[in-house]
PDB file of all heavy atoms in Angstrom:
ATOM      1  N   ALA A   1     106.019 120.943 164.581  1.00  0.00           N
ATOM      2  CA  ALA A   1     106.295 122.238 165.207  1.00  0.00           C
ATOM      3  C   ALA A   1     105.113 122.747 166.027  1.00  0.00           C
ATOM      4  O   ALA A   1     105.256 123.709 166.782  1.00  0.00           O
ATOM      5  CB  ALA A   1     106.650 123.264 164.132  1.00  0.00           C
ATOM      6  N   GLY A   2     103.957 122.116 165.870  1.00  0.00           N
ATOM      7  CA  GLY A   2     102.794 122.542 166.633  1.00  0.00           C
ATOM      8  C   GLY A   2     102.208 123.857 166.146  1.00  0.00           C
ATOM      9  O   GLY A   2     101.581 124.593 166.920  1.00  0.00           O
ATOM     10  N   CYS A   3     102.383 124.155 164.854  1.00  0.00           N
ATOM     11  CA  CYS A   3     101.904 125.436 164.315  1.00  0.00           C
ATOM     12  C   CYS A   3     100.401 125.626 164.490  1.00  0.00           C
ATOM     13  O   CYS A   3      99.922 126.742 164.704  1.00  0.00           O
ATOM     14  CB  CYS A   3     102.259 125.543 162.834  1.00  0.00           C
ATOM     15  SG  CYS A   3     104.018 125.375 162.469  1.00  0.00           S
ATOM     16  N   LEU A   4      99.655 124.523 164.382  1.00  0.00           N
ATOM     17  CA  LEU A   4      98.201 124.617 164.451  1.00  0.00           C
ATOM     18  C   LEU A   4      97.690 124.854 165.865  1.00  0.00           C
ATOM     19  O   LEU A   4      96.489 125.014 166.072  1.00  0.00           O
ATOM     20  CB  LEU A   4      97.572 123.346 163.872  1.00  0.00           C
ATOM     21  CG  LEU A   4      97.928 123.042 162.417  1.00  0.00           C
ATOM     22  CD1 LEU A   4      97.158 121.838 161.909  1.00  0.00           C
ATOM     23  CD2 LEU A   4      97.647 124.255 161.517  1.00  0.00           C
ATOM     24  N   ALA A   5      98.600 124.879 166.827  1.00  0.00           N
ATOM     25  CA  ALA A   5      98.198 125.220 168.186  1.00  0.00           C
ATOM     26  C   ALA A   5      97.817 126.694 168.276  1.00  0.00           C
ATOM     27  O   ALA A   5      97.072 127.102 169.173  1.00  0.00           O
ATOM     28  CB  ALA A   5      99.327 124.916 169.173  1.00  0.00           C
ATOM     29  N   CYS A   6      98.320 127.495 167.324  1.00  0.00           N
ATOM     30  CA  CYS A   6      98.014 128.931 167.315  1.00  0.00           C
ATOM     31  C   CYS A   6      97.386 129.383 165.999  1.00  0.00           C
ATOM     32  O   CYS A   6      96.537 130.263 165.983  1.00  0.00           O
ATOM     33  CB  CYS A   6      99.284 129.743 167.575  1.00  0.00           C
ATOM     34  SG  CYS A   6      99.978 129.546 169.226  1.00  0.00           S
ATOM     35  N   HIS A   7      97.846 128.785 164.900  1.00  0.00           N
ATOM     36  CA  HIS A   7      97.391 129.205 163.575  1.00  0.00           C
ATOM     37  C   HIS A   7      96.343 128.255 163.004  1.00  0.00           C
ATOM     38  O   HIS A   7      96.349 127.062 163.312  1.00  0.00           O
ATOM     39  CB  HIS A   7      98.572 129.250 162.602  1.00  0.00           C
ATOM     40  CG  HIS A   7      99.623 130.237 162.953  1.00  0.00           C
ATOM     41  ND1 HIS A   7      99.512 131.586 162.690  1.00  0.00           N
ATOM     42  CD2 HIS A   7     100.843 130.071 163.558  1.00  0.00           C
ATOM     43  CE1 HIS A   7     100.600 132.208 163.105  1.00  0.00           C
ATOM     44  NE2 HIS A   7     101.420 131.315 163.637  1.00  0.00           N
ATOM     45  N   LYS A   8      95.502 128.785 162.146  1.00  0.00           N
ATOM     46  CA  LYS A   8      94.552 127.967 161.414  1.00  0.00           C
ATOM     47  C   LYS A   8      95.060 127.809 159.991  1.00  0.00           C
ATOM     48  O   LYS A   8      95.590 128.745 159.398  1.00  0.00           O
ATOM     49  CB  LYS A   8      93.169 128.628 161.400  1.00  0.00           C
ATOM     50  CG  LYS A   8      92.034 127.680 161.029  1.00  0.00           C
ATOM     51  CD  LYS A   8      90.689 128.283 161.371  1.00  0.00           C
ATOM     52  CE  LYS A   8      89.568 127.253 161.192  1.00  0.00           C
ATOM     53  NZ  LYS A   8      88.260 127.791 161.625  1.00  0.00           N
ATOM     54  N   LEU A   9      94.924 126.594 159.453  1.00  0.00           N
ATOM     55  CA  LEU A   9      95.385 126.323 158.099  1.00  0.00           C
ATOM     56  C   LEU A   9      94.492 125.265 157.475  1.00  0.00           C
ATOM     57  O   LEU A   9      94.355 124.170 158.013  1.00  0.00           O
ATOM     58  CB  LEU A   9      96.838 125.848 158.108  1.00  0.00           C
ATOM     59  CG  LEU A   9      97.457 125.512 156.747  1.00  0.00           C
ATOM     60  CD1 LEU A   9      97.512 126.758 155.870  1.00  0.00           C
ATOM     61  CD2 LEU A   9      98.853 124.930 156.924  1.00  0.00           C
ATOM     62  N   ASP A  10      93.860 125.610 156.374  1.00  0.00           N
ATOM     63  CA  ASP A  10      92.987 124.677 155.662  1.00  0.00           C
ATOM     64  C   ASP A  10      91.905 124.080 156.562  1.00  0.00           C
ATOM     65  O   ASP A  10      91.631 122.882 156.523  1.00  0.00           O
ATOM     66  CB  ASP A  10      93.816 123.554 155.033  1.00  0.00           C
ATOM     67  CG  ASP A  10      94.790 124.074 153.981  1.00  0.00           C
ATOM     68  OD1 ASP A  10      94.505 125.148 153.400  1.00  0.00           O
ATOM     69  OD2 ASP A  10      95.827 123.423 153.750  1.00  0.00           O
ATOM     70  N   GLY A  11      91.321 124.914 157.421  1.00  0.00           N
ATOM     71  CA  GLY A  11      90.207 124.479 158.254  1.00  0.00           C
ATOM     72  C   GLY A  11      90.589 123.803 159.548  1.00  0.00           C
ATOM     73  O   GLY A  11      89.708 123.440 160.341  1.00  0.00           O
ATOM     74  N   GLN A  12      91.873 123.639 159.805  1.00  0.00           N
ATOM     75  CA  GLN A  12      92.321 123.010 161.043  1.00  0.00           C
ATOM     76  C   GLN A  12      93.138 123.993 161.862  1.00  0.00           C
ATOM     77  O   GLN A  12      93.766 124.903 161.323  1.00  0.00           O
ATOM     78  CB  GLN A  12      93.164 121.765 160.741  1.00  0.00           C
ATOM     79  CG  GLN A  12      92.410 120.668 160.007  1.00  0.00           C
ATOM     80  CD  GLN A  12      93.268 119.435 159.781  1.00  0.00           C
ATOM     81  OE1 GLN A  12      94.483 119.507 159.831  1.00  0.00           O
ATOM     82  NE2 GLN A  12      92.628 118.304 159.551  1.00  0.00           N
ATOM     83  N   GLY A  13      93.136 123.794 163.193  1.00  0.00           N
ATOM     84  CA  GLY A  13      93.950 124.615 164.077  1.00  0.00           C
ATOM     85  C   GLY A  13      93.166 125.650 164.856  1.00  0.00           C
ATOM     86  O   GLY A  13      91.935 125.679 164.835  1.00  0.00           O
ATOM     87  N   GLN A  14      93.914 126.503 165.541  1.00  0.00           N
ATOM     88  CA  GLN A  14      93.344 127.519 166.416  1.00  0.00           C
ATOM     89  C   GLN A  14      93.380 128.887 165.737  1.00  0.00           C
ATOM     90  O   GLN A  14      94.020 129.061 164.686  1.00  0.00           O
ATOM     91  CB  GLN A  14      94.109 127.563 167.738  1.00  0.00           C
ATOM     92  CG  GLN A  14      94.172 126.234 168.468  1.00  0.00           C
ATOM     93  CD  GLN A  14      92.822 125.805 169.011  1.00  0.00           C
ATOM     94  OE1 GLN A  14      92.018 126.638 169.426  1.00  0.00           O
ATOM     95  NE2 GLN A  14      92.581 124.496 169.026  1.00  0.00           N
ATOM     96  N   VAL A  15      92.703 129.854 166.332  1.00  0.00           N
ATOM     97  CA  VAL A  15      92.645 131.198 165.762  1.00  0.00           C
ATOM     98  C   VAL A  15      93.300 132.210 166.698  1.00  0.00           C
ATOM     99  O   VAL A  15      92.926 133.371 166.732  1.00  0.00           O
ATOM    100  CB  VAL A  15      91.190 131.620 165.463  1.00  0.00           C
ATOM    101  CG1 VAL A  15      90.625 130.815 164.329  1.00  0.00           C
ATOM    102  CG2 VAL A  15      90.320 131.461 166.713  1.00  0.00           C
ATOM    103  N   ILE A  16      94.293 131.748 167.450  1.00  0.00           N
ATOM    104  CA  ILE A  16      95.005 132.643 168.368  1.00  0.00           C
ATOM    105  C   ILE A  16      95.890 133.601 167.591  1.00  0.00           C
ATOM    106  O   ILE A  16      95.985 134.788 167.902  1.00  0.00           O
ATOM    107  CB  ILE A  16      95.839 131.815 169.360  1.00  0.00           C
ATOM    108  CG1 ILE A  16      94.925 130.935 170.217  1.00  0.00           C
ATOM    109  CG2 ILE A  16      96.688 132.727 170.250  1.00  0.00           C
ATOM    110  CD1 ILE A  16      95.651 129.948 171.090  1.00  0.00           C
ATOM    111  N   ALA A  17      96.554 133.091 166.568  1.00  0.00           N
ATOM    112  CA  ALA A  17      97.453 133.872 165.721  1.00  0.00           C
ATOM    113  C   ALA A  17      96.851 133.964 164.318  1.00  0.00           C
ATOM    114  O   ALA A  17      95.827 133.338 164.031  1.00  0.00           O
ATOM    115  CB  ALA A  17      98.831 133.216 165.706  1.00  0.00           C
ATOM    116  N   PRO A  18      97.453 134.728 163.413  1.00  0.00           N
ATOM    117  CA  PRO A  18      96.884 134.903 162.069  1.00  0.00           C
ATOM    118  C   PRO A  18      96.587 133.593 161.342  1.00  0.00           C
ATOM    119  O   PRO A  18      97.347 132.632 161.425  1.00  0.00           O
ATOM    120  CB  PRO A  18      97.976 135.698 161.341  1.00  0.00           C
ATOM    121  CG  PRO A  18      98.640 136.483 162.423  1.00  0.00           C
ATOM    122  CD  PRO A  18      98.654 135.567 163.617  1.00  0.00           C
ATOM    123  N   ASP A  19      95.474 133.577 160.616  1.00  0.00           N
ATOM    124  CA  ASP A  19      95.069 132.440 159.799  1.00  0.00           C
ATOM    125  C   ASP A  19      96.050 132.319 158.632  1.00  0.00           C
ATOM    126  O   ASP A  19      96.328 133.295 157.930  1.00  0.00           O
ATOM    127  CB  ASP A  19      93.649 132.673 159.285  1.00  0.00           C
ATOM    128  CG  ASP A  19      93.028 131.434 158.657  1.00  0.00           C
ATOM    129  OD1 ASP A  19      93.761 130.665 158.007  1.00  0.00           O
ATOM    130  OD2 ASP A  19      91.809 131.236 158.810  1.00  0.00           O
ATOM    131  N   LEU A  20      96.563 131.115 158.404  1.00  0.00           N
ATOM    132  CA  LEU A  20      97.553 130.896 157.353  1.00  0.00           C
ATOM    133  C   LEU A  20      96.952 130.333 156.068  1.00  0.00           C
ATOM    134  O   LEU A  20      97.685 130.086 155.104  1.00  0.00           O
ATOM    135  CB  LEU A  20      98.642 129.936 157.857  1.00  0.00           C
ATOM    136  CG  LEU A  20      99.433 130.386 159.087  1.00  0.00           C
ATOM    137  CD1 LEU A  20     100.457 129.326 159.466  1.00  0.00           C
ATOM    138  CD2 LEU A  20     100.110 131.730 158.843  1.00  0.00           C
ATOM    139  N   THR A  21      95.643 130.137 156.046  1.00  0.00           N
ATOM    140  CA  THR A  21      95.008 129.509 154.887  1.00  0.00           C
ATOM    141  C   THR A  21      95.289 130.269 153.592  1.00  0.00           C
ATOM    142  O   THR A  21      95.484 129.658 152.536  1.00  0.00           O
ATOM    143  CB  THR A  21      93.493 129.396 155.113  1.00  0.00           C
ATOM    144  OG1 THR A  21      93.254 128.655 156.325  1.00  0.00           O
ATOM    145  CG2 THR A  21      92.833 128.669 153.961  1.00  0.00           C
ATOM    146  N   HIS A  22      95.333 131.597 153.662  1.00  0.00           N
ATOM    147  CA  HIS A  22      95.605 132.404 152.469  1.00  0.00           C
ATOM    148  C   HIS A  22      96.830 133.295 152.688  1.00  0.00           C
ATOM    149  O   HIS A  22      96.907 134.400 152.147  1.00  0.00           O
ATOM    150  CB  HIS A  22      94.384 133.265 152.135  1.00  0.00           C
ATOM    151  CG  HIS A  22      93.132 132.481 151.906  1.00  0.00           C
ATOM    152  ND1 HIS A  22      92.961 131.620 150.833  1.00  0.00           N
ATOM    153  CD2 HIS A  22      91.991 132.384 152.642  1.00  0.00           C
ATOM    154  CE1 HIS A  22      91.779 131.056 150.896  1.00  0.00           C
ATOM    155  NE2 HIS A  22      91.160 131.493 151.982  1.00  0.00           N
ATOM    156  N   VAL A  23      97.790 132.790 153.464  1.00  0.00           N
ATOM    157  CA  VAL A  23      98.961 133.605 153.802  1.00  0.00           C
ATOM    158  C   VAL A  23      99.751 133.991 152.561  1.00  0.00           C
ATOM    159  O   VAL A  23     100.374 135.053 152.507  1.00  0.00           O
ATOM    160  CB  VAL A  23      99.871 132.845 154.801  1.00  0.00           C
ATOM    161  CG1 VAL A  23     100.440 131.571 154.200  1.00  0.00           C
ATOM    162  CG2 VAL A  23     100.989 133.753 155.307  1.00  0.00           C
ATOM    163  N   GLY A  24      99.711 133.154 151.503  1.00  0.00           N
ATOM    164  CA  GLY A  24     100.449 133.454 150.289  1.00  0.00           C
ATOM    165  C   GLY A  24      99.941 134.664 149.535  1.00  0.00           C
ATOM    166  O   GLY A  24     100.640 135.210 148.682  1.00  0.00           O
ATOM    167  N   SER A  25      98.730 135.096 149.858  1.00  0.00           N
ATOM    168  CA  SER A  25      98.167 136.274 149.182  1.00  0.00           C
ATOM    169  C   SER A  25      98.702 137.569 149.785  1.00  0.00           C
ATOM    170  O   SER A  25      98.556 138.639 149.181  1.00  0.00           O
ATOM    171  CB  SER A  25      96.637 136.255 149.274  1.00  0.00           C
ATOM    172  OG  SER A  25      96.206 136.348 150.625  1.00  0.00           O
ATOM    173  N   ARG A  26      99.308 137.468 150.965  1.00  0.00           N
ATOM    174  CA  ARG A  26      99.847 138.671 151.602  1.00  0.00           C
ATOM    175  C   ARG A  26     101.339 138.594 151.894  1.00  0.00           C
ATOM    176  O   ARG A  26     101.958 139.596 152.231  1.00  0.00           O
ATOM    177  CB  ARG A  26      99.086 138.953 152.910  1.00  0.00           C
ATOM    178  CG  ARG A  26      99.135 137.847 153.942  1.00  0.00           C
ATOM    179  CD  ARG A  26      98.304 138.199 155.180  1.00  0.00           C
ATOM    180  NE  ARG A  26      98.433 137.224 156.247  1.00  0.00           N
ATOM    181  CZ  ARG A  26      97.679 136.148 156.379  1.00  0.00           C
ATOM    182  NH1 ARG A  26      96.703 135.919 155.482  1.00  0.00           N
ATOM    183  NH2 ARG A  26      97.861 135.305 157.387  1.00  0.00           N
ATOM    184  N   ARG A  27     101.914 137.403 151.767  1.00  0.00           N
ATOM    185  CA  ARG A  27     103.356 137.246 151.981  1.00  0.00           C
ATOM    186  C   ARG A  27     103.935 136.339 150.897  1.00  0.00           C
ATOM    187  O   ARG A  27     103.321 135.341 150.530  1.00  0.00           O
ATOM    188  CB  ARG A  27     103.667 136.626 153.345  1.00  0.00           C
ATOM    189  CG  ARG A  27     103.415 137.513 154.557  1.00  0.00           C
ATOM    190  CD  ARG A  27     103.801 136.769 155.829  1.00  0.00           C
ATOM    191  NE  ARG A  27     103.568 137.524 157.037  1.00  0.00           N
ATOM    192  CZ  ARG A  27     104.438 138.356 157.594  1.00  0.00           C
ATOM    193  NH1 ARG A  27     105.628 138.516 157.016  1.00  0.00           N
ATOM    194  NH2 ARG A  27     104.145 139.004 158.696  1.00  0.00           N
ATOM    195  N   ASP A  28     105.128 136.677 150.393  1.00  0.00           N
ATOM    196  CA  ASP A  28     105.807 135.771 149.474  1.00  0.00           C
ATOM    197  C   ASP A  28     106.718 134.851 150.288  1.00  0.00           C
ATOM    198  O   ASP A  28     106.807 134.969 151.514  1.00  0.00           O
ATOM    199  CB  ASP A  28     106.592 136.544 148.417  1.00  0.00           C
ATOM    200  CG  ASP A  28     107.633 137.497 149.027  1.00  0.00           C
ATOM    201  OD1 ASP A  28     107.970 137.346 150.228  1.00  0.00           O
ATOM    202  OD2 ASP A  28     108.107 138.383 148.299  1.00  0.00           O
ATOM    203  N   ALA A  29     107.387 133.925 149.614  1.00  0.00           N
ATOM    204  CA  ALA A  29     108.215 132.934 150.311  1.00  0.00           C
ATOM    205  C   ALA A  29     109.317 133.591 151.126  1.00  0.00           C
ATOM    206  O   ALA A  29     109.624 133.162 152.245  1.00  0.00           O
ATOM    207  CB  ALA A  29     108.815 131.955 149.299  1.00  0.00           C
ATOM    208  N   GLU A  30     109.916 134.641 150.583  1.00  0.00           N
ATOM    209  CA  GLU A  30     110.994 135.322 151.306  1.00  0.00           C
ATOM    210  C   GLU A  30     110.494 135.940 152.607  1.00  0.00           C
ATOM    211  O   GLU A  30     111.142 135.853 153.652  1.00  0.00           O
ATOM    212  CB  GLU A  30     111.620 136.396 150.425  1.00  0.00           C
ATOM    213  CG  GLU A  30     112.794 137.110 151.085  1.00  0.00           C
ATOM    214  CD  GLU A  30     113.436 138.141 150.170  1.00  0.00           C
ATOM    215  OE1 GLU A  30     113.024 138.237 148.997  1.00  0.00           O
ATOM    216  OE2 GLU A  30     114.341 138.845 150.631  1.00  0.00           O
ATOM    217  N   SER A  31     109.310 136.569 152.539  1.00  0.00           N
ATOM    218  CA  SER A  31     108.732 137.177 153.733  1.00  0.00           C
ATOM    219  C   SER A  31     108.376 136.123 154.781  1.00  0.00           C
ATOM    220  O   SER A  31     108.594 136.315 155.971  1.00  0.00           O
ATOM    221  CB  SER A  31     107.482 137.977 153.351  1.00  0.00           C
ATOM    222  OG  SER A  31     106.827 138.472 154.502  1.00  0.00           O
ATOM    223  N   ILE A  32     107.837 134.992 154.329  1.00  0.00           N
ATOM    224  CA  ILE A  32     107.476 133.905 155.247  1.00  0.00           C
ATOM    225  C   ILE A  32     108.731 133.328 155.894  1.00  0.00           C
ATOM    226  O   ILE A  32     108.766 133.065 157.103  1.00  0.00           O
ATOM    227  CB  ILE A  32     106.707 132.813 154.493  1.00  0.00           C
ATOM    228  CG1 ILE A  32     105.338 133.348 154.051  1.00  0.00           C
ATOM    229  CG2 ILE A  32     106.526 131.567 155.368  1.00  0.00           C
ATOM    230  CD1 ILE A  32     104.576 132.422 153.131  1.00  0.00           C
ATOM    231  N   ARG A  33     109.767 133.129 155.087  1.00  0.00           N
ATOM    232  CA  ARG A  33     111.025 132.603 155.606  1.00  0.00           C
ATOM    233  C   ARG A  33     111.594 133.532 156.681  1.00  0.00           C
ATOM    234  O   ARG A  33     112.044 133.083 157.736  1.00  0.00           O
ATOM    235  CB  ARG A  33     112.018 132.446 154.457  1.00  0.00           C
ATOM    236  CG  ARG A  33     113.276 131.674 154.824  1.00  0.00           C
ATOM    237  CD  ARG A  33     114.290 131.691 153.683  1.00  0.00           C
ATOM    238  NE  ARG A  33     113.709 131.248 152.439  1.00  0.00           N
ATOM    239  CZ  ARG A  33     113.595 132.017 151.355  1.00  0.00           C
ATOM    240  NH1 ARG A  33     113.985 133.292 151.404  1.00  0.00           N
ATOM    241  NH2 ARG A  33     113.079 131.545 150.249  1.00  0.00           N
ATOM    242  N   LYS A  34     111.554 134.817 156.407  1.00  0.00           N
ATOM    243  CA  LYS A  34     112.078 135.792 157.357  1.00  0.00           C
ATOM    244  C   LYS A  34     111.262 135.802 158.642  1.00  0.00           C
ATOM    245  O   LYS A  34     111.800 135.911 159.746  1.00  0.00           O
ATOM    246  CB  LYS A  34     112.071 137.193 156.726  1.00  0.00           C
ATOM    247  CG  LYS A  34     112.693 138.266 157.598  1.00  0.00           C
ATOM    248  CD  LYS A  34     112.733 139.601 156.874  1.00  0.00           C
ATOM    249  CE  LYS A  34     113.386 140.680 157.746  1.00  0.00           C
ATOM    250  NZ  LYS A  34     113.414 141.993 157.026  1.00  0.00           N
TER     251      LYS A  34
END
């Protein structure tokens, strides 16, 4: 999906959009799915 073109995750990717490394601390699965 090319998510890392905008997001950072586990030290990889760009910082154009929110960092997803700790996304689970602010969103649950339902929120992420939505």
